[in-house]
Amino acid sequence: MIPAVKGHDHPTLDEVRELFGRWRQNKRRRDPIPPALWKAAVSLTGAHSIHEVARYLRLNHNALKSRSHLTDSIAFVEINPVTITTECTVEMEKPTGERMRIKGNCNVIELARAFLA
């Protein structure tokens, strides 16, 4: 469990590194990282890059990246195609990791439907 830290909501890089250090001293050879430690590491990705956190905590970059995407909030924006008259950029990502970027003034809704189908 992550100890409560006075003064801020999330632990710092150094605090999480210390938690991982204590866990690594006591773990057996193939013990998985506890969910509470993963949660602490993911909480750092809001203020630091995934690369920086993974390197500092000696974690697998891809494992941290996949866990941090699970916590990303998804924003839904209603688009009225009649009001789109200027050039815009729309980016979409599927849960599988596929991405699409649309730039220009085109029928965004139809492209989104085709991409997400």
PDB file of N, CA and C in Angstrom:
ATOM      1  N   MET A   1       0.835  -1.179   0.000  1.00  0.00           N
ATOM      2  CA  MET A   1       0.000   0.000   0.000  1.00  0.00           C
ATOM      3  C   MET A   1       0.874   1.233   0.000  1.00  0.00           C
ATOM      4  N   ILE A   2       0.418   2.281  -0.628  1.00  0.00           N
ATOM      5  CA  ILE A   2       1.163   3.531  -0.709  1.00  0.00           C
ATOM      6  C   ILE A   2       0.882   4.340   0.549  1.00  0.00           C
ATOM      7  N   PRO A   3       1.936   4.759   1.247  1.00  0.00           N
ATOM      8  CA  PRO A   3       1.700   5.539   2.454  1.00  0.00           C
ATOM      9  C   PRO A   3       1.137   6.915   2.120  1.00  0.00           C
ATOM     10  N   ALA A   4       0.330   7.421   3.044  1.00  0.00           N
ATOM     11  CA  ALA A   4      -0.228   8.753   2.843  1.00  0.00           C
ATOM     12  C   ALA A   4       0.881   9.780   2.976  1.00  0.00           C
ATOM     13  N   VAL A   5       0.874  10.734   2.073  1.00  0.00           N
ATOM     14  CA  VAL A   5       1.883  11.772   2.084  1.00  0.00           C
ATOM     15  C   VAL A   5       1.174  13.099   2.329  1.00  0.00           C
ATOM     16  N   LYS A   6       1.623  13.828   3.331  1.00  0.00           N
ATOM     17  CA  LYS A   6       0.982  15.101   3.659  1.00  0.00           C
ATOM     18  C   LYS A   6       1.402  16.170   2.661  1.00  0.00           C
ATOM     19  N   GLY A   7       0.460  17.020   2.273  1.00  0.00           N
ATOM     20  CA  GLY A   7       0.792  18.152   1.434  1.00  0.00           C
ATOM     21  C   GLY A   7       0.481  17.973  -0.042  1.00  0.00           C
ATOM     22  N   HIS A   8       0.354  16.762  -0.524  1.00  0.00           N
ATOM     23  CA  HIS A   8       0.014  16.571  -1.934  1.00  0.00           C
ATOM     24  C   HIS A   8      -0.706  15.250  -2.122  1.00  0.00           C
ATOM     25  N   ASP A   9      -1.437  15.157  -3.243  1.00  0.00           N
ATOM     26  CA  ASP A   9      -2.276  13.992  -3.492  1.00  0.00           C
ATOM     27  C   ASP A   9      -1.504  12.794  -4.006  1.00  0.00           C
ATOM     28  N   HIS A  10      -0.444  13.027  -4.789  1.00  0.00           N
ATOM     29  CA  HIS A  10       0.284  11.937  -5.420  1.00  0.00           C
ATOM     30  C   HIS A  10       1.706  11.880  -4.889  1.00  0.00           C
ATOM     31  N   PRO A  11       2.262  10.686  -4.800  1.00  0.00           N
ATOM     32  CA  PRO A  11       3.650  10.573  -4.350  1.00  0.00           C
ATOM     33  C   PRO A  11       4.607  11.135  -5.395  1.00  0.00           C
ATOM     34  N   THR A  12       5.809  11.486  -4.961  1.00  0.00           N
ATOM     35  CA  THR A  12       6.823  12.013  -5.868  1.00  0.00           C
ATOM     36  C   THR A  12       7.605  10.858  -6.478  1.00  0.00           C
ATOM     37  N   LEU A  13       8.434  11.176  -7.475  1.00  0.00           N
ATOM     38  CA  LEU A  13       9.297  10.169  -8.095  1.00  0.00           C
ATOM     39  C   LEU A  13      10.173   9.484  -7.048  1.00  0.00           C
ATOM     40  N   ASP A  14      10.754  10.278  -6.170  1.00  0.00           N
ATOM     41  CA  ASP A  14      11.635   9.707  -5.146  1.00  0.00           C
ATOM     42  C   ASP A  14      10.875   8.810  -4.170  1.00  0.00           C
ATOM     43  N   GLU A  15       9.665   9.212  -3.798  1.00  0.00           N
ATOM     44  CA  GLU A  15       8.869   8.397  -2.880  1.00  0.00           C
ATOM     45  C   GLU A  15       8.506   7.052  -3.508  1.00  0.00           C
ATOM     46  N   VAL A  16       8.103   7.078  -4.784  1.00  0.00           N
ATOM     47  CA  VAL A  16       7.737   5.833  -5.462  1.00  0.00           C
ATOM     48  C   VAL A  16       8.982   4.970  -5.685  1.00  0.00           C
ATOM     49  N   ARG A  17      10.097   5.608  -5.985  1.00  0.00           N
ATOM     50  CA  ARG A  17      11.350   4.848  -6.159  1.00  0.00           C
ATOM     51  C   ARG A  17      11.716   4.128  -4.864  1.00  0.00           C
ATOM     52  N   GLU A  18      11.515   4.801  -3.737  1.00  0.00           N
ATOM     53  CA  GLU A  18      11.786   4.178  -2.435  1.00  0.00           C
ATOM     54  C   GLU A  18      10.857   2.989  -2.191  1.00  0.00           C
ATOM     55  N   LEU A  19       9.580   3.133  -2.552  1.00  0.00           N
ATOM     56  CA  LEU A  19       8.625   2.023  -2.407  1.00  0.00           C
ATOM     57  C   LEU A  19       9.051   0.829  -3.253  1.00  0.00           C
ATOM     58  N   PHE A  20       9.445   1.094  -4.505  1.00  0.00           N
ATOM     59  CA  PHE A  20       9.909   0.013  -5.372  1.00  0.00           C
ATOM     60  C   PHE A  20      11.181  -0.616  -4.818  1.00  0.00           C
ATOM     61  N   GLY A  21      12.067   0.201  -4.267  1.00  0.00           N
ATOM     62  CA  GLY A  21      13.298  -0.327  -3.687  1.00  0.00           C
ATOM     63  C   GLY A  21      13.029  -1.275  -2.528  1.00  0.00           C
ATOM     64  N   ARG A  22      12.110  -0.885  -1.647  1.00  0.00           N
ATOM     65  CA  ARG A  22      11.748  -1.770  -0.515  1.00  0.00           C
ATOM     66  C   ARG A  22      11.110  -3.055  -1.015  1.00  0.00           C
ATOM     67  N   TRP A  23      10.235  -2.934  -2.013  1.00  0.00           N
ATOM     68  CA  TRP A  23       9.579  -4.133  -2.548  1.00  0.00           C
ATOM     69  C   TRP A  23      10.611  -5.054  -3.204  1.00  0.00           C
ATOM     70  N   ARG A  24      11.527  -4.484  -3.963  1.00  0.00           N
ATOM     71  CA  ARG A  24      12.543  -5.300  -4.650  1.00  0.00           C
ATOM     72  C   ARG A  24      13.463  -6.023  -3.674  1.00  0.00           C
ATOM     73  N   GLN A  25      13.726  -5.427  -2.514  1.00  0.00           N
ATOM     74  CA  GLN A  25      14.576  -6.083  -1.515  1.00  0.00           C
ATOM     75  C   GLN A  25      13.918  -7.331  -0.948  1.00  0.00           C
ATOM     76  N   ASN A  26      12.600  -7.326  -0.860  1.00  0.00           N
ATOM     77  CA  ASN A  26      11.878  -8.422  -0.208  1.00  0.00           C
ATOM     78  C   ASN A  26      11.202  -9.394  -1.165  1.00  0.00           C
ATOM     79  N   LYS A  27      11.173  -9.089  -2.444  1.00  0.00           N
ATOM     80  CA  LYS A  27      10.447  -9.950  -3.384  1.00  0.00           C
ATOM     81  C   LYS A  27      11.220 -11.221  -3.698  1.00  0.00           C
ATOM     82  N   ARG A  28      10.457 -12.219  -4.130  1.00  0.00           N
ATOM     83  CA  ARG A  28      11.086 -13.436  -4.644  1.00  0.00           C
ATOM     84  C   ARG A  28      11.330 -13.261  -6.129  1.00  0.00           C
ATOM     85  N   ARG A  29      12.001 -14.175  -6.727  1.00  0.00           N
ATOM     86  CA  ARG A  29      12.523 -14.049  -8.090  1.00  0.00           C
ATOM     87  C   ARG A  29      11.498 -13.588  -9.131  1.00  0.00           C
ATOM     88  N   ARG A  30      10.372 -14.225  -9.226  1.00  0.00           N
ATOM     89  CA  ARG A  30       9.389 -13.928 -10.290  1.00  0.00           C
ATOM     90  C   ARG A  30       8.111 -13.284  -9.761  1.00  0.00           C
ATOM     91  N   ASP A  31       8.161 -12.657  -8.600  1.00  0.00           N
ATOM     92  CA  ASP A  31       6.961 -12.015  -8.067  1.00  0.00           C
ATOM     93  C   ASP A  31       6.534 -10.861  -8.977  1.00  0.00           C
ATOM     94  N   PRO A  32       5.240 -10.788  -9.304  1.00  0.00           N
ATOM     95  CA  PRO A  32       4.774  -9.660 -10.123  1.00  0.00           C
ATOM     96  C   PRO A  32       4.739  -8.383  -9.281  1.00  0.00           C
ATOM     97  N   ILE A  33       4.836  -7.266  -9.951  1.00  0.00           N
ATOM     98  CA  ILE A  33       4.753  -5.981  -9.254  1.00  0.00           C
ATOM     99  C   ILE A  33       3.336  -5.821  -8.718  1.00  0.00           C
ATOM    100  N   PRO A  34       3.191  -5.503  -7.436  1.00  0.00           N
ATOM    101  CA  PRO A  34       1.848  -5.348  -6.852  1.00  0.00           C
ATOM    102  C   PRO A  34       1.064  -4.210  -7.513  1.00  0.00           C
ATOM    103  N   PRO A  35      -0.255  -4.371  -7.596  1.00  0.00           N
ATOM    104  CA  PRO A  35      -1.092  -3.334  -8.217  1.00  0.00           C
ATOM    105  C   PRO A  35      -0.906  -1.947  -7.590  1.00  0.00           C
ATOM    106  N   ALA A  36      -0.690  -1.877  -6.279  1.00  0.00           N
ATOM    107  CA  ALA A  36      -0.519  -0.574  -5.625  1.00  0.00           C
ATOM    108  C   ALA A  36       0.737   0.138  -6.132  1.00  0.00           C
ATOM    109  N   LEU A  37       1.802  -0.620  -6.418  1.00  0.00           N
ATOM    110  CA  LEU A  37       3.014  -0.003  -6.956  1.00  0.00           C
ATOM    111  C   LEU A  37       2.804   0.455  -8.397  1.00  0.00           C
ATOM    112  N   TRP A  38       2.096  -0.362  -9.182  1.00  0.00           N
ATOM    113  CA  TRP A  38       1.784   0.061 -10.554  1.00  0.00           C
ATOM    114  C   TRP A  38       0.955   1.353 -10.519  1.00  0.00           C
ATOM    115  N   LYS A  39      -0.007   1.404  -9.609  1.00  0.00           N
ATOM    116  CA  LYS A  39      -0.862   2.581  -9.501  1.00  0.00           C
ATOM    117  C   LYS A  39      -0.030   3.812  -9.145  1.00  0.00           C
ATOM    118  N   ALA A  40       0.931   3.649  -8.239  1.00  0.00           N
ATOM    119  CA  ALA A  40       1.800   4.759  -7.866  1.00  0.00           C
ATOM    120  C   ALA A  40       2.639   5.205  -9.057  1.00  0.00           C
ATOM    121  N   ALA A  41       3.165   4.255  -9.819  1.00  0.00           N
ATOM    122  CA  ALA A  41       3.982   4.591 -10.993  1.00  0.00           C
ATOM    123  C   ALA A  41       3.137   5.303 -12.040  1.00  0.00           C
ATOM    124  N   VAL A  42       1.941   4.809 -12.288  1.00  0.00           N
ATOM    125  CA  VAL A  42       1.054   5.425 -13.283  1.00  0.00           C
ATOM    126  C   VAL A  42       0.662   6.837 -12.854  1.00  0.00           C
ATOM    127  N   SER A  43       0.497   7.054 -11.549  1.00  0.00           N
ATOM    128  CA  SER A  43       0.112   8.388 -11.074  1.00  0.00           C
ATOM    129  C   SER A  43       1.183   9.430 -11.399  1.00  0.00           C
ATOM    130  N   LEU A  44       2.412   8.989 -11.584  1.00  0.00           N
ATOM    131  CA  LEU A  44       3.506   9.911 -11.912  1.00  0.00           C
ATOM    132  C   LEU A  44       3.484  10.359 -13.366  1.00  0.00           C
ATOM    133  N   THR A  45       2.793   9.599 -14.232  1.00  0.00           N
ATOM    134  CA  THR A  45       2.812   9.915 -15.661  1.00  0.00           C
ATOM    135  C   THR A  45       2.012  11.171 -15.999  1.00  0.00           C
ATOM    136  N   GLY A  46       1.264  11.690 -15.049  1.00  0.00           N
ATOM    137  CA  GLY A  46       0.582  12.960 -15.282  1.00  0.00           C
ATOM    138  C   GLY A  46       1.545  14.134 -15.255  1.00  0.00           C
ATOM    139  N   ALA A  47       2.611  14.024 -14.451  1.00  0.00           N
ATOM    140  CA  ALA A  47       3.572  15.112 -14.303  1.00  0.00           C
ATOM    141  C   ALA A  47       4.894  14.845 -15.012  1.00  0.00           C
ATOM    142  N   HIS A  48       5.154  13.581 -15.372  1.00  0.00           N
ATOM    143  CA  HIS A  48       6.411  13.192 -16.006  1.00  0.00           C
ATOM    144  C   HIS A  48       6.109  12.305 -17.209  1.00  0.00           C
ATOM    145  N   SER A  49       7.034  12.233 -18.136  1.00  0.00           N
ATOM    146  CA  SER A  49       6.831  11.374 -19.303  1.00  0.00           C
ATOM    147  C   SER A  49       6.927   9.902 -18.895  1.00  0.00           C
ATOM    148  N   ILE A  50       6.299   9.056 -19.683  1.00  0.00           N
ATOM    149  CA  ILE A  50       6.341   7.615 -19.418  1.00  0.00           C
ATOM    150  C   ILE A  50       7.788   7.134 -19.459  1.00  0.00           C
ATOM    151  N   HIS A  51       8.547   7.642 -20.415  1.00  0.00           N
ATOM    152  CA  HIS A  51       9.956   7.251 -20.532  1.00  0.00           C
ATOM    153  C   HIS A  51      10.729   7.604 -19.262  1.00  0.00           C
ATOM    154  N   GLU A  52      10.529   8.806 -18.770  1.00  0.00           N
ATOM    155  CA  GLU A  52      11.248   9.257 -17.568  1.00  0.00           C
ATOM    156  C   GLU A  52      10.881   8.400 -16.350  1.00  0.00           C
ATOM    157  N   VAL A  53       9.594   8.138 -16.167  1.00  0.00           N
ATOM    158  CA  VAL A  53       9.142   7.347 -15.021  1.00  0.00           C
ATOM    159  C   VAL A  53       9.676   5.918 -15.121  1.00  0.00           C
ATOM    160  N   ALA A  54       9.559   5.312 -16.299  1.00  0.00           N
ATOM    161  CA  ALA A  54      10.023   3.930 -16.478  1.00  0.00           C
ATOM    162  C   ALA A  54      11.522   3.821 -16.221  1.00  0.00           C
ATOM    163  N   ARG A  55      12.280   4.765 -16.725  1.00  0.00           N
ATOM    164  CA  ARG A  55      13.740   4.721 -16.541  1.00  0.00           C
ATOM    165  C   ARG A  55      14.099   4.938 -15.074  1.00  0.00           C
ATOM    166  N   TYR A  56      13.480   5.906 -14.428  1.00  0.00           N
ATOM    167  CA  TYR A  56      13.795   6.244 -13.042  1.00  0.00           C
ATOM    168  C   TYR A  56      13.426   5.113 -12.085  1.00  0.00           C
ATOM    169  N   LEU A  57      12.298   4.439 -12.381  1.00  0.00           N
ATOM    170  CA  LEU A  57      11.838   3.356 -11.502  1.00  0.00           C
ATOM    171  C   LEU A  57      12.317   1.979 -11.955  1.00  0.00           C
ATOM    172  N   ARG A  58      13.056   1.935 -13.078  1.00  0.00           N
ATOM    173  CA  ARG A  58      13.555   0.684 -13.655  1.00  0.00           C
ATOM    174  C   ARG A  58      12.397  -0.267 -13.978  1.00  0.00           C
ATOM    175  N   LEU A  59      11.436   0.261 -14.736  1.00  0.00           N
ATOM    176  CA  LEU A  59      10.271  -0.509 -15.163  1.00  0.00           C
ATOM    177  C   LEU A  59      10.316  -0.696 -16.671  1.00  0.00           C
ATOM    178  N   ASN A  60       9.595  -1.701 -17.146  1.00  0.00           N
ATOM    179  CA  ASN A  60       9.448  -1.916 -18.575  1.00  0.00           C
ATOM    180  C   ASN A  60       8.602  -0.779 -19.136  1.00  0.00           C
ATOM    181  N   HIS A  61       9.157  -0.076 -20.120  1.00  0.00           N
ATOM    182  CA  HIS A  61       8.484   1.080 -20.710  1.00  0.00           C
ATOM    183  C   HIS A  61       7.112   0.714 -21.261  1.00  0.00           C
ATOM    184  N   ASN A  62       7.040  -0.383 -22.021  1.00  0.00           N
ATOM    185  CA  ASN A  62       5.765  -0.775 -22.645  1.00  0.00           C
ATOM    186  C   ASN A  62       4.725  -1.190 -21.609  1.00  0.00           C
ATOM    187  N   ALA A  63       5.174  -1.841 -20.542  1.00  0.00           N
ATOM    188  CA  ALA A  63       4.230  -2.241 -19.493  1.00  0.00           C
ATOM    189  C   ALA A  63       3.644  -1.011 -18.811  1.00  0.00           C
ATOM    190  N   LEU A  64       4.481  -0.035 -18.528  1.00  0.00           N
ATOM    191  CA  LEU A  64       3.990   1.197 -17.906  1.00  0.00           C
ATOM    192  C   LEU A  64       3.083   1.958 -18.865  1.00  0.00           C
ATOM    193  N   LYS A  65       3.466   1.999 -20.124  1.00  0.00           N
ATOM    194  CA  LYS A  65       2.664   2.705 -21.120  1.00  0.00           C
ATOM    195  C   LYS A  65       1.269   2.087 -21.239  1.00  0.00           C
ATOM    196  N   SER A  66       1.193   0.769 -21.291  1.00  0.00           N
ATOM    197  CA  SER A  66      -0.115   0.125 -21.431  1.00  0.00           C
ATOM    198  C   SER A  66      -0.979   0.362 -20.196  1.00  0.00           C
ATOM    199  N   ARG A  67      -0.369   0.379 -19.034  1.00  0.00           N
ATOM    200  CA  ARG A  67      -1.139   0.643 -17.817  1.00  0.00           C
ATOM    201  C   ARG A  67      -1.561   2.105 -17.721  1.00  0.00           C
ATOM    202  N   SER A  68      -0.739   3.011 -18.189  1.00  0.00           N
ATOM    203  CA  SER A  68      -1.101   4.425 -18.114  1.00  0.00           C
ATOM    204  C   SER A  68      -2.231   4.753 -19.084  1.00  0.00           C
ATOM    205  N   HIS A  69      -2.318   4.039 -20.221  1.00  0.00           N
ATOM    206  CA  HIS A  69      -3.421   4.272 -21.165  1.00  0.00           C
ATOM    207  C   HIS A  69      -4.739   3.787 -20.607  1.00  0.00           C
ATOM    208  N   LEU A  70      -4.703   2.841 -19.675  1.00  0.00           N
ATOM    209  CA  LEU A  70      -5.942   2.358 -19.077  1.00  0.00           C
ATOM    210  C   LEU A  70      -6.592   3.431 -18.226  1.00  0.00           C
ATOM    211  N   THR A  71      -5.788   4.390 -17.749  1.00  0.00           N
ATOM    212  CA  THR A  71      -6.340   5.430 -16.887  1.00  0.00           C
ATOM    213  C   THR A  71      -6.653   6.715 -17.637  1.00  0.00           C
ATOM    214  N   ASP A  72      -6.302   6.774 -18.917  1.00  0.00           N
ATOM    215  CA  ASP A  72      -6.583   7.983 -19.687  1.00  0.00           C
ATOM    216  C   ASP A  72      -8.082   8.218 -19.737  1.00  0.00           C
ATOM    217  N   SER A  73      -8.457   9.465 -19.565  1.00  0.00           N
ATOM    218  CA  SER A  73      -9.874   9.775 -19.696  1.00  0.00           C
ATOM    219  C   SER A  73     -10.172  10.046 -21.167  1.00  0.00           C
ATOM    220  N   ILE A  74     -11.329   9.631 -21.569  1.00  0.00           N
ATOM    221  CA  ILE A  74     -11.738   9.808 -22.960  1.00  0.00           C
ATOM    222  C   ILE A  74     -12.686  10.993 -23.012  1.00  0.00           C
ATOM    223  N   ALA A  75     -12.391  11.926 -23.870  1.00  0.00           N
ATOM    224  CA  ALA A  75     -13.245  13.102 -24.007  1.00  0.00           C
ATOM    225  C   ALA A  75     -14.127  12.925 -25.233  1.00  0.00           C
ATOM    226  N   PHE A  76     -15.408  13.154 -25.055  1.00  0.00           N
ATOM    227  CA  PHE A  76     -16.350  13.091 -26.154  1.00  0.00           C
ATOM    228  C   PHE A  76     -16.785  14.512 -26.481  1.00  0.00           C
ATOM    229  N   VAL A  77     -16.666  14.866 -27.726  1.00  0.00           N
ATOM    230  CA  VAL A  77     -17.047  16.196 -28.163  1.00  0.00           C
ATOM    231  C   VAL A  77     -18.068  16.040 -29.264  1.00  0.00           C
ATOM    232  N   GLU A  78     -19.205  16.694 -29.098  1.00  0.00           N
ATOM    233  CA  GLU A  78     -20.230  16.634 -30.129  1.00  0.00           C
ATOM    234  C   GLU A  78     -19.852  17.588 -31.257  1.00  0.00           C
ATOM    235  N   ILE A  79     -19.889  17.085 -32.470  1.00  0.00           N
ATOM    236  CA  ILE A  79     -19.520  17.881 -33.632  1.00  0.00           C
ATOM    237  C   ILE A  79     -20.748  18.047 -34.503  1.00  0.00           C
ATOM    238  N   ASN A  80     -21.065  19.271 -34.792  1.00  0.00           N
ATOM    239  CA  ASN A  80     -22.160  19.563 -35.694  1.00  0.00           C
ATOM    240  C   ASN A  80     -21.543  19.864 -37.059  1.00  0.00           C
ATOM    241  N   PRO A  81     -21.684  18.957 -38.035  1.00  0.00           N
ATOM    242  CA  PRO A  81     -21.009  19.136 -39.315  1.00  0.00           C
ATOM    243  C   PRO A  81     -21.414  20.395 -40.067  1.00  0.00           C
ATOM    244  N   VAL A  82     -22.556  20.950 -39.755  1.00  0.00           N
ATOM    245  CA  VAL A  82     -23.004  22.153 -40.442  1.00  0.00           C
ATOM    246  C   VAL A  82     -22.150  23.351 -40.014  1.00  0.00           C
ATOM    247  N   THR A  83     -21.670  23.346 -38.753  1.00  0.00           N
ATOM    248  CA  THR A  83     -20.940  24.506 -38.245  1.00  0.00           C
ATOM    249  C   THR A  83     -19.444  24.450 -38.541  1.00  0.00           C
ATOM    250  N   ILE A  84     -18.935  23.346 -39.048  1.00  0.00           N
ATOM    251  CA  ILE A  84     -17.519  23.246 -39.343  1.00  0.00           C
ATOM    252  C   ILE A  84     -17.243  23.901 -40.691  1.00  0.00           C
ATOM    253  N   THR A  85     -16.659  25.092 -40.646  1.00  0.00           N
ATOM    254  CA  THR A  85     -16.356  25.799 -41.886  1.00  0.00           C
ATOM    255  C   THR A  85     -14.873  26.121 -42.003  1.00  0.00           C
ATOM    256  N   THR A  86     -14.129  25.964 -40.926  1.00  0.00           N
ATOM    257  CA  THR A  86     -12.696  26.246 -40.971  1.00  0.00           C
ATOM    258  C   THR A  86     -11.923  24.938 -40.858  1.00  0.00           C
ATOM    259  N   GLU A  87     -10.652  25.034 -41.206  1.00  0.00           N
ATOM    260  CA  GLU A  87      -9.794  23.852 -41.132  1.00  0.00           C
ATOM    261  C   GLU A  87      -9.580  23.465 -39.672  1.00  0.00           C
ATOM    262  N   CYS A  88      -9.612  22.172 -39.414  1.00  0.00           N
ATOM    263  CA  CYS A  88      -9.386  21.684 -38.059  1.00  0.00           C
ATOM    264  C   CYS A  88      -8.586  20.390 -38.120  1.00  0.00           C
ATOM    265  N   THR A  89      -8.075  19.975 -36.977  1.00  0.00           N
ATOM    266  CA  THR A  89      -7.351  18.715 -36.875  1.00  0.00           C
ATOM    267  C   THR A  89      -8.059  17.860 -35.832  1.00  0.00           C
ATOM    268  N   VAL A  90      -8.368  16.630 -36.194  1.00  0.00           N
ATOM    269  CA  VAL A  90      -9.021  15.689 -35.293  1.00  0.00           C
ATOM    270  C   VAL A  90      -8.135  14.454 -35.189  1.00  0.00           C
ATOM    271  N   GLU A  91      -7.857  14.028 -33.957  1.00  0.00           N
ATOM    272  CA  GLU A  91      -7.065  12.820 -33.735  1.00  0.00           C
ATOM    273  C   GLU A  91      -7.931  11.810 -32.988  1.00  0.00           C
ATOM    274  N   MET A  92      -7.853  10.562 -33.427  1.00  0.00           N
ATOM    275  CA  MET A  92      -8.603   9.477 -32.793  1.00  0.00           C
ATOM    276  C   MET A  92      -7.671   8.309 -32.556  1.00  0.00           C
ATOM    277  N   GLU A  93      -7.950   7.552 -31.487  1.00  0.00           N
ATOM    278  CA  GLU A  93      -7.161   6.361 -31.194  1.00  0.00           C
ATOM    279  C   GLU A  93      -8.103   5.264 -30.722  1.00  0.00           C
ATOM    280  N   LYS A  94      -7.924   4.078 -31.306  1.00  0.00           N
ATOM    281  CA  LYS A  94      -8.694   2.914 -30.881  1.00  0.00           C
ATOM    282  C   LYS A  94      -8.042   2.306 -29.647  1.00  0.00           C
ATOM    283  N   PRO A  95      -8.778   1.531 -28.866  1.00  0.00           N
ATOM    284  CA  PRO A  95      -8.175   0.831 -27.728  1.00  0.00           C
ATOM    285  C   PRO A  95      -7.036  -0.108 -28.149  1.00  0.00           C
ATOM    286  N   THR A  96      -7.028  -0.517 -29.414  1.00  0.00           N
ATOM    287  CA  THR A  96      -5.964  -1.400 -29.906  1.00  0.00           C
ATOM    288  C   THR A  96      -4.681  -0.644 -30.199  1.00  0.00           C
ATOM    289  N   GLY A  97      -4.735   0.688 -30.132  1.00  0.00           N
ATOM    290  CA  GLY A  97      -3.544   1.487 -30.380  1.00  0.00           C
ATOM    291  C   GLY A  97      -3.487   2.123 -31.754  1.00  0.00           C
ATOM    292  N   GLU A  98      -4.390   1.738 -32.669  1.00  0.00           N
ATOM    293  CA  GLU A  98      -4.400   2.344 -33.997  1.00  0.00           C
ATOM    294  C   GLU A  98      -4.811   3.805 -33.866  1.00  0.00           C
ATOM    295  N   ARG A  99      -4.141   4.672 -34.635  1.00  0.00           N
ATOM    296  CA  ARG A  99      -4.412   6.102 -34.562  1.00  0.00           C
ATOM    297  C   ARG A  99      -4.740   6.664 -35.935  1.00  0.00           C
ATOM    298  N   MET A 100      -5.538   7.746 -35.918  1.00  0.00           N
ATOM    299  CA  MET A 100      -5.834   8.442 -37.154  1.00  0.00           C
ATOM    300  C   MET A 100      -5.862   9.939 -36.861  1.00  0.00           C
ATOM    301  N   ARG A 101      -5.251  10.709 -37.749  1.00  0.00           N
ATOM    302  CA  ARG A 101      -5.275  12.163 -37.649  1.00  0.00           C
ATOM    303  C   ARG A 101      -5.887  12.700 -38.938  1.00  0.00           C
ATOM    304  N   ILE A 102      -6.896  13.551 -38.784  1.00  0.00           N
ATOM    305  CA  ILE A 102      -7.568  14.164 -39.921  1.00  0.00           C
ATOM    306  C   ILE A 102      -7.300  15.659 -39.842  1.00  0.00           C
ATOM    307  N   LYS A 103      -6.793  16.213 -40.923  1.00  0.00           N
ATOM    308  CA  LYS A 103      -6.542  17.648 -40.963  1.00  0.00           C
ATOM    309  C   LYS A 103      -7.233  18.216 -42.190  1.00  0.00           C
ATOM    310  N   GLY A 104      -7.994  19.283 -41.997  1.00  0.00           N
ATOM    311  CA  GLY A 104      -8.697  19.914 -43.100  1.00  0.00           C
ATOM    312  C   GLY A 104     -10.154  20.122 -42.740  1.00  0.00           C
ATOM    313  N   ASN A 105     -10.943  20.493 -43.690  1.00  0.00           N
ATOM    314  CA  ASN A 105     -12.379  20.570 -43.455  1.00  0.00           C
ATOM    315  C   ASN A 105     -13.032  19.520 -44.339  1.00  0.00           C
ATOM    316  N   CYS A 106     -13.356  18.429 -43.729  1.00  0.00           N
ATOM    317  CA  CYS A 106     -13.953  17.300 -44.432  1.00  0.00           C
ATOM    318  C   CYS A 106     -15.070  16.748 -43.566  1.00  0.00           C
ATOM    319  N   ASN A 107     -15.671  15.709 -44.002  1.00  0.00           N
ATOM    320  CA  ASN A 107     -16.753  15.103 -43.241  1.00  0.00           C
ATOM    321  C   ASN A 107     -16.144  14.236 -42.130  1.00  0.00           C
ATOM    322  N   VAL A 108     -15.862  14.845 -41.017  1.00  0.00           N
ATOM    323  CA  VAL A 108     -15.202  14.181 -39.894  1.00  0.00           C
ATOM    324  C   VAL A 108     -16.049  13.035 -39.357  1.00  0.00           C
ATOM    325  N   ILE A 109     -17.335  13.222 -39.316  1.00  0.00           N
ATOM    326  CA  ILE A 109     -18.210  12.190 -38.742  1.00  0.00           C
ATOM    327  C   ILE A 109     -18.152  10.916 -39.566  1.00  0.00           C
ATOM    328  N   GLU A 110     -18.208  11.014 -40.875  1.00  0.00           N
ATOM    329  CA  GLU A 110     -18.140   9.813 -41.710  1.00  0.00           C
ATOM    330  C   GLU A 110     -16.777   9.137 -41.622  1.00  0.00           C
ATOM    331  N   LEU A 111     -15.713   9.918 -41.579  1.00  0.00           N
ATOM    332  CA  LEU A 111     -14.374   9.344 -41.430  1.00  0.00           C
ATOM    333  C   LEU A 111     -14.228   8.639 -40.074  1.00  0.00           C
ATOM    334  N   ALA A 112     -14.780   9.235 -39.041  1.00  0.00           N
ATOM    335  CA  ALA A 112     -14.719   8.625 -37.712  1.00  0.00           C
ATOM    336  C   ALA A 112     -15.501   7.310 -37.700  1.00  0.00           C
ATOM    337  N   ARG A 113     -16.666   7.302 -38.302  1.00  0.00           N
ATOM    338  CA  ARG A 113     -17.457   6.068 -38.353  1.00  0.00           C
ATOM    339  C   ARG A 113     -16.698   4.966 -39.083  1.00  0.00           C
ATOM    340  N   ALA A 114     -16.063   5.298 -40.190  1.00  0.00           N
ATOM    341  CA  ALA A 114     -15.298   4.305 -40.949  1.00  0.00           C
ATOM    342  C   ALA A 114     -14.101   3.808 -40.152  1.00  0.00           C
ATOM    343  N   PHE A 115     -13.427   4.701 -39.471  1.00  0.00           N
ATOM    344  CA  PHE A 115     -12.245   4.335 -38.693  1.00  0.00           C
ATOM    345  C   PHE A 115     -12.606   3.461 -37.489  1.00  0.00           C
ATOM    346  N   LEU A 116     -13.660   3.791 -36.808  1.00  0.00           N
ATOM    347  CA  LEU A 116     -14.029   3.065 -35.593  1.00  0.00           C
ATOM    348  C   LEU A 116     -14.848   1.815 -35.862  1.00  0.00           C
ATOM    349  N   ALA A 117     -15.241   1.603 -37.102  1.00  0.00           N
ATOM    350  CA  ALA A 117     -16.065   0.419 -37.423  1.00  0.00           C
ATOM    351  C   ALA A 117     -15.245  -0.845 -37.343  1.00  0.00           C
TER     352      ALA A 117
END
